[in-house]
Amino acid sequence: MQATHASSRILQPANPWFIRLSLLVALLLNFMPTSSWLWIPDWVALTLVFWCVREPRYVGMGYAFLFGLAMDVADASLMGQHALAYVIIAYLAMLLSRRILWFSLGQQALHALPLLLIAPAVQLAVRLPLGVEFPGLPYFAGPCIAAALWPLLTFILLLPQYQPIERDANRPI
């Protein structure tokens, strides 16, 4: 009897090039002019949390720092605020990765939500002492939408790693 659940399928090892490509695509999505809209998620933070949970050996605080600096330059914001926020969420995601992976996708999204809320909270905490006004609670709508997108992002980013359910004797993997 063969299991047909997606959870029982064996994943191939993650390709480091695919991981880098997905982070680059997330960075390009953040560069879009829609990134200033409050309900648009921070794609880099979402992808960083995903890969830090799934592949903490490949993606870590170094990638978070580099992508944070790229976001600081792109947003012309205070240098280091994105870098600090991304490094903190990458560290926490790597710390909690074993725990998060035990849960279903919906529960993983609930665990990812606080991590995703940390990024705008840290950025706001850096800017508030400099005299920037509090933008209000809609400022935190993007992380909530990003957490709701977690199951879809998981499906898309893990798609290249799935092995076929039917084994073919002529196919090595």
Foldseek 3Di string as FASTA:
>chain_A
DADDDPVPFDFADDDLVLLVVQLVVLLVVCLDPCVVPLQAANSNLLSLLVCLLVPVPRGALVVQQVSQQVSCVSVVHDGPLSSVLSNVLSVVSNVCSVVLVVDDLLVNLVVCLVSSQSSVVSSCVVCVVVPDDDPDDSNSNRSVVSSVCRVVVCCVSRVVGTDDSDDDPVDPD
